[in-house]
Amino acid sequence: MTYSFDGYNYVIKLTPGERLSAAIEQFAQETKMEGAWVSGLGAAKEVELGFYDLETKEYHWKTFEGLRELASLTGNLAFDQEGRIMLHAHGVLSDPNYNTIGGHIKDLVAGATVELFIHRTFRPLHRKLDPEVGLQTLDL
């Protein structure tokens, strides 16, 4: 993982085989990132997606193997209730037949590359448990 900084925004590049979660953790530690909006694209050779069931308050997870285009990734970085920076991201990916899948991205492994644009916030972002939905949501 490499990244550059223009004084306000970051651009991150993952190379083949790099795991998104590990890259974000390393990036946040090195930059002392306290909050950001994230967008990205590229390719993934493995992705774990989730769908949150509001009634049961549980995620349903599924891992997809094989190279797919990462057509869109959008999300944010914020501190969870334990004080760890976490990526909350959703994405859409397409297979060689142009069929798409999408959902909450738990993690992915980069294919050719994953390129992320990180728009940092001036104030830290935090999450706290919303008992109605059963998730840590942004605490604004």
Protein backbone atom coordinates (compact mmCIF):
# COMPACT_ATOMS: atom_id res chain seq x y z
CA MET A 1 0.00 0.00 0.00
CA THR A 2 1.21 3.42 -0.93
CA TYR A 3 -0.43 6.79 -0.46
CA SER A 4 0.06 10.45 -1.19
CA PHE A 5 -1.23 13.59 0.53
CA ASP A 6 -1.96 16.99 -1.04
CA GLY A 7 -2.39 18.89 2.22
CA TYR A 8 -6.01 17.90 2.69
CA ASN A 9 -6.85 14.70 0.79
CA TYR A 10 -5.13 11.33 0.49
CA VAL A 11 -4.99 8.88 -2.39
CA ILE A 12 -4.23 5.25 -1.53
CA LYS A 13 -3.14 2.53 -3.93
CA LEU A 14 -3.32 -1.18 -3.10
CA THR A 15 -1.37 -3.68 -5.17
CA PRO A 16 -2.46 -7.22 -6.10
CA GLY A 17 -2.99 -9.43 -3.06
CA GLU A 18 -3.21 -6.64 -0.50
CA ARG A 19 -6.10 -6.83 1.94
CA LEU A 20 -8.24 -3.69 2.32
CA SER A 21 -8.70 -4.03 6.10
CA ALA A 22 -4.95 -4.30 6.75
CA ALA A 23 -4.19 -1.37 4.46
CA ILE A 24 -6.77 0.88 6.13
CA GLU A 25 -5.50 -0.06 9.59
CA GLN A 26 -1.90 0.73 8.60
CA PHE A 27 -2.94 3.95 6.86
CA ALA A 28 -4.94 5.17 9.87
CA GLN A 29 -2.06 4.45 12.25
CA GLU A 30 0.55 6.16 10.08
CA THR A 31 -1.55 9.25 9.35
CA LYS A 32 -3.36 9.44 12.71
CA MET A 33 -6.59 9.66 10.70
CA GLU A 34 -9.58 10.65 12.86
CA GLY A 35 -12.36 10.72 10.29
CA ALA A 36 -12.88 10.71 6.55
CA TRP A 37 -15.15 10.00 3.60
CA VAL A 38 -13.85 7.31 1.29
CA SER A 39 -14.49 6.50 -2.36
CA GLY A 40 -12.75 3.99 -4.55
CA LEU A 41 -12.58 1.67 -7.53
CA GLY A 42 -10.35 -1.04 -8.95
CA ALA A 43 -10.52 -4.82 -8.88
CA ALA A 44 -10.90 -7.51 -6.23
CA LYS A 45 -10.03 -11.18 -6.42
CA GLU A 46 -11.97 -11.93 -3.25
CA VAL A 47 -14.61 -9.95 -1.39
CA GLU A 48 -16.74 -10.60 1.68
CA LEU A 49 -20.07 -8.80 1.49
CA GLY A 50 -22.82 -8.45 4.03
CA PHE A 51 -26.48 -7.62 4.15
CA TYR A 52 -27.86 -6.31 7.44
CA ASP A 53 -31.24 -7.70 8.49
CA LEU A 54 -32.92 -4.96 10.48
CA GLU A 55 -35.46 -7.34 12.04
CA THR A 56 -32.91 -9.83 13.42
CA LYS A 57 -30.18 -7.19 13.83
CA GLU A 58 -27.67 -9.53 12.21
CA TYR A 59 -25.43 -9.42 9.16
CA HIS A 60 -25.62 -12.20 6.59
CA TRP A 61 -22.12 -12.65 5.15
CA LYS A 62 -21.02 -14.20 1.88
CA THR A 63 -17.55 -14.49 0.34
CA PHE A 64 -17.15 -14.21 -3.43
CA GLU A 65 -14.02 -15.63 -5.07
CA GLY A 66 -12.70 -14.73 -8.50
CA LEU A 67 -11.64 -11.52 -10.16
CA ARG A 68 -14.29 -8.79 -10.23
CA GLU A 69 -14.25 -5.14 -11.15
CA LEU A 70 -14.76 -2.90 -8.14
CA ALA A 71 -17.14 -0.53 -9.90
CA SER A 72 -17.79 1.57 -6.82
CA LEU A 73 -16.77 1.74 -3.19
CA THR A 74 -18.08 4.41 -0.87
CA GLY A 75 -17.84 4.78 2.88
CA ASN A 76 -16.31 6.55 5.82
CA LEU A 77 -13.72 6.20 8.57
CA ALA A 78 -14.76 6.83 12.17
CA PHE A 79 -13.81 5.70 15.66
CA ASP A 80 -15.89 2.84 17.05
CA GLN A 81 -16.98 2.66 20.69
CA GLU A 82 -13.69 0.97 21.62
CA GLY A 83 -11.68 3.84 20.11
CA ARG A 84 -10.51 1.96 16.99
CA ILE A 85 -10.79 3.57 13.58
CA MET A 86 -13.14 1.53 11.42
CA LEU A 87 -14.06 1.55 7.77
CA HIS A 88 -17.78 1.45 7.00
CA ALA A 89 -17.96 0.77 3.27
CA HIS A 90 -20.44 -0.44 0.68
CA GLY A 91 -19.56 -1.51 -2.81
CA VAL A 92 -20.70 -2.78 -6.17
CA LEU A 93 -18.62 -5.33 -8.08
CA SER A 94 -19.08 -6.91 -11.51
CA ASP A 95 -17.97 -10.28 -12.87
CA PRO A 96 -16.69 -11.06 -16.40
CA ASN A 97 -20.31 -11.42 -17.59
CA TYR A 98 -21.16 -7.92 -16.27
CA ASN A 99 -23.35 -9.32 -13.49
CA THR A 100 -23.14 -7.18 -10.37
CA ILE A 101 -23.17 -7.88 -6.67
CA GLY A 102 -23.12 -5.37 -3.87
CA GLY A 103 -23.45 -4.80 -0.18
CA HIS A 104 -21.54 -3.92 2.96
CA ILE A 105 -17.85 -4.65 2.37
CA LYS A 106 -16.39 -6.55 5.31
CA ASP A 107 -13.08 -7.00 3.51
CA LEU A 108 -11.57 -7.59 0.10
CA VAL A 109 -8.31 -8.65 -1.51
CA ALA A 110 -7.07 -6.38 -4.30
CA GLY A 111 -6.92 -7.72 -7.84
CA ALA A 112 -4.95 -5.52 -10.27
CA THR A 113 -5.29 -2.52 -7.93
CA VAL A 114 -7.66 -0.74 -5.57
CA GLU A 115 -7.50 3.06 -5.64
CA LEU A 116 -9.07 5.04 -2.80
CA PHE A 117 -9.72 8.75 -2.38
CA ILE A 118 -9.74 9.79 1.29
CA HIS A 119 -11.37 13.13 2.09
CA ARG A 120 -10.43 13.77 5.72
CA THR A 121 -12.64 15.61 8.15
CA PHE A 122 -11.51 18.51 10.32
CA ARG A 123 -13.11 16.95 13.38
CA PRO A 124 -12.94 13.35 14.58
CA LEU A 125 -15.87 11.11 13.66
CA HIS A 126 -17.25 8.73 16.28
CA ARG A 127 -19.81 5.94 16.32
CA LYS A 128 -22.07 4.80 19.12
CA LEU A 129 -24.61 2.04 19.42
CA ASP A 130 -28.08 2.90 18.18
CA PRO A 131 -30.28 0.38 20.03
CA GLU A 132 -33.13 0.78 17.54
CA VAL A 133 -31.08 -0.53 14.64
CA GLY A 134 -28.51 -2.58 16.58
CA LEU A 135 -25.49 -0.93 14.95
CA GLN A 136 -22.89 1.66 15.82
CA THR A 137 -23.96 4.68 13.77
CA LEU A 138 -22.29 8.07 13.42
CA ASP A 139 -22.63 10.11 16.59
CA LEU A 140 -23.11 13.63 15.32
